[in-house]
Each structure stands twice: as C-alpha cells, then as structure tokens.
Protein backbone atom coordinates (compact mmCIF):
# COMPACT_ATOMS: atom_id res chain seq x y z
CA UNK A 1 0.00 0.00 0.00
CA UNK A 2 1.34 3.42 -0.94
CA UNK A 3 1.82 5.55 2.18
CA UNK A 4 1.62 9.05 0.67
CA UNK A 5 -1.14 10.67 -1.38
CA UNK A 6 -0.63 10.04 -5.08
CA UNK A 7 -3.12 11.44 -7.63
CA UNK A 8 -4.91 8.70 -9.55
CA UNK A 9 -3.37 9.78 -12.84
CA UNK A 10 0.13 9.38 -11.29
CA UNK A 11 -0.52 6.02 -9.63
CA UNK A 12 1.55 4.19 -12.23
CA UNK A 13 4.73 5.94 -11.00
CA UNK A 14 4.54 6.83 -7.29
CA UNK A 15 8.29 7.24 -6.96
CA UNK A 16 8.42 9.61 -9.93
CA UNK A 17 5.50 11.63 -8.54
CA UNK A 18 7.25 11.91 -5.17
CA UNK A 19 10.50 12.93 -6.87
CA UNK A 20 8.75 15.71 -8.77
CA UNK A 21 6.67 16.98 -5.87
CA UNK A 22 8.28 16.19 -2.51
CA UNK A 23 11.82 16.62 -1.15
CA UNK A 24 12.96 17.23 -4.72
CA UNK A 25 16.57 18.07 -3.89
CA UNK A 26 16.92 15.07 -1.58
CA UNK A 27 15.27 12.74 -4.07
CA UNK A 28 17.49 14.04 -6.87
CA UNK A 29 20.55 13.32 -4.72
CA UNK A 30 19.20 9.83 -3.94
CA UNK A 31 18.68 9.21 -7.66
CA UNK A 32 22.22 10.38 -8.42
CA UNK A 33 23.61 8.10 -5.68
CA UNK A 34 21.67 5.14 -7.02
CA UNK A 35 22.77 5.80 -10.58
CA UNK A 36 26.42 6.22 -9.49
CA UNK A 37 26.33 2.76 -7.93
CA UNK A 38 25.19 1.17 -11.22
CA UNK A 39 27.43 3.34 -13.37
CA UNK A 40 30.67 3.41 -11.37
CA UNK A 41 30.98 0.24 -9.30
CA UNK A 42 34.21 -1.67 -9.87
CA UNK A 43 32.78 -4.91 -8.47
CA UNK A 44 32.13 -7.78 -10.82
CA UNK A 45 28.50 -8.00 -11.86
CA UNK A 46 28.07 -11.24 -9.92
CA UNK A 47 29.53 -9.74 -6.71
CA UNK A 48 27.36 -6.67 -7.17
CA UNK A 49 24.21 -8.69 -7.83
CA UNK A 50 24.87 -11.07 -4.94
CA UNK A 51 25.01 -8.19 -2.47
CA UNK A 52 22.15 -6.31 -4.10
CA UNK A 53 19.90 -9.34 -4.18
CA UNK A 54 20.55 -10.16 -0.51
CA UNK A 55 19.67 -6.59 0.51
CA UNK A 56 16.49 -6.78 -1.61
CA UNK A 57 15.49 -9.89 0.32
CA UNK A 58 16.24 -8.32 3.70
CA UNK A 59 14.46 -5.06 2.81
CA UNK A 60 11.44 -6.86 1.37
CA UNK A 61 11.43 -4.56 -1.67
CA UNK A 62 9.40 -6.31 -4.37
CA UNK A 63 10.84 -4.32 -7.28
CA UNK A 64 14.40 -4.83 -6.04
CA UNK A 65 13.85 -8.59 -5.72
CA UNK A 66 12.59 -8.78 -9.31
CA UNK A 67 15.26 -6.44 -10.72
CA UNK A 68 18.12 -8.01 -12.64
CA UNK A 69 20.92 -5.57 -13.40
CA UNK A 70 21.94 -7.30 -16.63
CA UNK A 71 18.38 -7.12 -17.90
CA UNK A 72 17.09 -3.90 -16.32
CA UNK A 73 19.91 -1.43 -15.58
CA UNK A 74 20.13 0.03 -19.09
CA UNK A 75 16.37 0.55 -19.18
CA UNK A 76 16.52 2.19 -15.73
CA UNK A 77 18.83 4.85 -17.15
CA UNK A 78 16.83 5.19 -20.37
CA UNK A 79 13.58 5.66 -18.39
CA UNK A 80 15.08 8.79 -16.85
CA UNK A 81 16.51 10.09 -20.11
CA UNK A 82 20.08 9.39 -19.07
CA UNK A 83 22.70 7.49 -20.99
CA UNK A 84 25.61 5.78 -19.30
CA UNK A 85 28.82 5.02 -21.17
CA UNK A 86 29.61 2.27 -18.67
CA UNK A 87 27.46 0.24 -16.30
CA UNK A 88 28.25 -2.47 -13.78
CA UNK A 89 26.70 -4.88 -16.31
CA UNK A 90 29.95 -4.45 -18.28
CA UNK A 91 31.93 -5.94 -15.34
CA UNK A 92 31.76 -9.60 -16.23
CA UNK A 93 29.21 -12.31 -16.86
CA UNK A 94 25.66 -11.98 -15.61
CA UNK A 95 24.28 -14.33 -12.96
CA UNK A 96 21.66 -16.83 -14.03
CA UNK A 97 18.42 -17.45 -12.14
CA UNK A 98 20.02 -20.33 -10.20
CA UNK A 99 22.42 -17.74 -8.73
CA UNK A 100 19.54 -15.54 -7.52
CA UNK A 101 17.68 -18.57 -6.14
CA UNK A 102 20.65 -19.42 -3.91
CA UNK A 103 21.41 -15.95 -2.51
CA UNK A 104 19.39 -16.41 0.66
CA UNK A 105 21.21 -19.68 1.40
CA UNK A 106 24.63 -18.26 0.49
CA UNK A 107 26.41 -20.08 3.33
CA UNK A 108 25.68 -23.54 1.89
CA UNK A 109 25.18 -22.78 -1.80
CA UNK A 110 27.80 -24.07 -4.23
CA UNK A 111 27.22 -21.50 -6.99
CA UNK A 112 29.27 -18.64 -5.46
CA UNK A 113 32.96 -17.86 -5.66
CA UNK A 114 34.71 -16.90 -2.41
CA UNK A 115 34.47 -13.21 -3.37
CA UNK A 116 30.77 -13.46 -4.23
CA UNK A 117 30.05 -15.24 -0.95
CA UNK A 118 31.99 -12.59 0.99
CA UNK A 119 30.10 -9.78 -0.78
CA UNK A 120 26.77 -11.39 0.12
CA UNK A 121 27.91 -11.93 3.71
CA UNK A 122 29.01 -8.30 3.93
CA UNK A 123 25.67 -7.06 2.60
CA UNK A 124 23.68 -9.22 5.02
CA UNK A 125 25.76 -8.30 8.05
CA UNK A 126 25.90 -4.59 7.11
CA UNK A 127 22.09 -4.62 7.03
CA UNK A 128 21.46 -6.77 10.08
CA UNK A 129 24.40 -6.38 12.47
CA UNK A 130 26.60 -3.41 11.54
CA UNK A 131 28.12 -3.04 15.03
CA UNK A 132 29.17 -6.69 15.13
CA UNK A 133 30.52 -6.55 11.57
CA UNK A 134 32.59 -3.47 12.34
CA UNK A 135 34.34 -5.32 15.19
CA UNK A 136 34.73 -8.76 13.56
CA UNK A 137 38.48 -9.03 12.98
CA UNK A 138 38.16 -12.51 11.48
CA UNK A 139 35.77 -11.17 8.83
CA UNK A 140 38.08 -8.24 8.02
CA UNK A 141 41.06 -10.56 7.66
CA UNK A 142 39.07 -12.59 5.10
CA UNK A 143 37.83 -9.42 3.37
CA UNK A 144 41.32 -7.95 2.99
CA UNK A 145 42.62 -11.25 1.64
CA UNK A 146 40.09 -11.12 -1.22
CA UNK A 147 39.22 -7.45 -1.80
CA UNK A 148 41.28 -4.31 -2.22
CA UNK A 149 40.51 -1.28 -0.07
CA UNK A 150 38.92 0.37 -3.12
CA UNK A 151 36.63 -2.63 -3.61
CA UNK A 152 35.65 -2.64 0.09
CA UNK A 153 34.76 1.06 -0.05
CA UNK A 154 32.84 0.48 -3.31
CA UNK A 155 30.89 -2.44 -1.84
CA UNK A 156 30.13 -0.45 1.32
CA UNK A 157 28.60 2.42 -0.64
CA UNK A 158 26.66 0.08 -2.92
CA UNK A 159 25.18 -1.69 0.10
CA UNK A 160 24.36 1.64 1.78
CA UNK A 161 22.48 2.78 -1.34
CA UNK A 162 20.56 -0.49 -1.63
CA UNK A 163 19.61 -0.58 2.04
CA UNK A 164 18.49 3.03 2.27
CA UNK A 165 16.77 3.47 -1.06
CA UNK A 166 15.25 -0.01 -1.09
CA UNK A 167 13.80 0.53 2.36
CA UNK A 168 12.32 3.86 1.31
CA UNK A 169 10.65 2.20 -1.69
CA UNK A 170 9.29 -0.62 0.45
CA UNK A 171 8.20 1.39 3.51
CA UNK A 172 6.43 4.05 1.41
CA UNK A 173 4.83 1.35 -0.74
CA UNK A 174 6.44 2.53 -3.95
CA UNK A 175 7.43 -1.07 -4.64
CA UNK A 176 3.79 -2.10 -4.88
CA UNK A 177 3.71 -0.70 -8.43
CA UNK A 178 5.95 -2.23 -11.07
CA UNK A 179 8.31 0.45 -12.35
CA UNK A 180 8.59 0.81 -16.13
CA UNK A 181 12.18 -0.49 -16.15
CA UNK A 182 11.62 -3.48 -13.83
CA UNK A 183 9.94 -6.35 -15.57
CA UNK A 184 8.61 -9.20 -13.49
CA UNK A 185 10.07 -12.66 -13.96
C-alpha cells in the first residue's frame, strides 16, 4: 500500500510523482547516488548482484527482488533520459536465475565464488548487524585477503544505497507498483 497521497493519474509511477513533488533536492541526490552505484561500481557483476539481491530480500522490496541488473539497468537509465557510457553490467558475466535462487542460502550454496560469498555476507551483516561486523576481525582478515581497499569502499557504498533506497521504496509502498524499467520474472 502506498503511504503518501498520489493522484490517480500518477498512480503508475509513485516514486516519480514523489521525486517531482516532494523533497525534490533530496530525491534528486538519492537518484544520483543510485545511478552512481550502477554506473561506477568496480565490483564484478556477480559480486554486485549477490550483495544487491541479498539486501532486496532483507528489505522486502518487491521491485528490487525482481530487478536483474543485466536485464534492467540500461532501461533504468533510459527511463530517466540518461545514458551511461559504462554500467556495472559491463563488469563480467551476468548471474543466471540459479544464482539468484541461492542468494538467501549463500552459506551452503555451491554457486558462489569466495568473493561473491563474501560480498553477500558483507551485505547481510551490514544490514542486520553493523556493530558486530565493524568489530569482527576474522571477517576483516578474510575481506582484505580477497578485496582491495577500493573494492571494500565500493561495496560499502553500494550496500548503503541499496539498504536506504530499497527501504524507502518498500516502507512508502512505492514497490507495490511495477516500475517501467523493472519487468517481473
């Protein structure tokens, strides 16, 4: 259920209506942050999608759970009239549906590389237990063995964007309407 008043003729795009009519500067900054994540991340597409998909599950965002970067990211930019010369979808092979099906059971699943598993673990723990994660020296030893500092900072900002913006979409009910760029599976 959408939690703010949206005129009937704008009901197809509640997020767009909110962006044009409420907290415009903040929403423009949020849009720029979100787009930067998809445009500028140095993570592989599978690492990116593993973390993104886990956050979508935790947040409960319907659109985010159905979104597939390889399929939908270009259309997301096109829907806003923007063109990106590079997107994270250029950073390696796309995950298949078996990959997405295993994200929630990442600890036992056999489809993930060590880096993909660590990215999913980071996303989950960042969302659910940030204080514990910050102090977990064993985790940070594993992270530094597999990721550069630049990749850790990149992943951290990606996860922050997904948590914050996905939760806004879910809590305000914007995810109850399928966005034009997110096609259902």
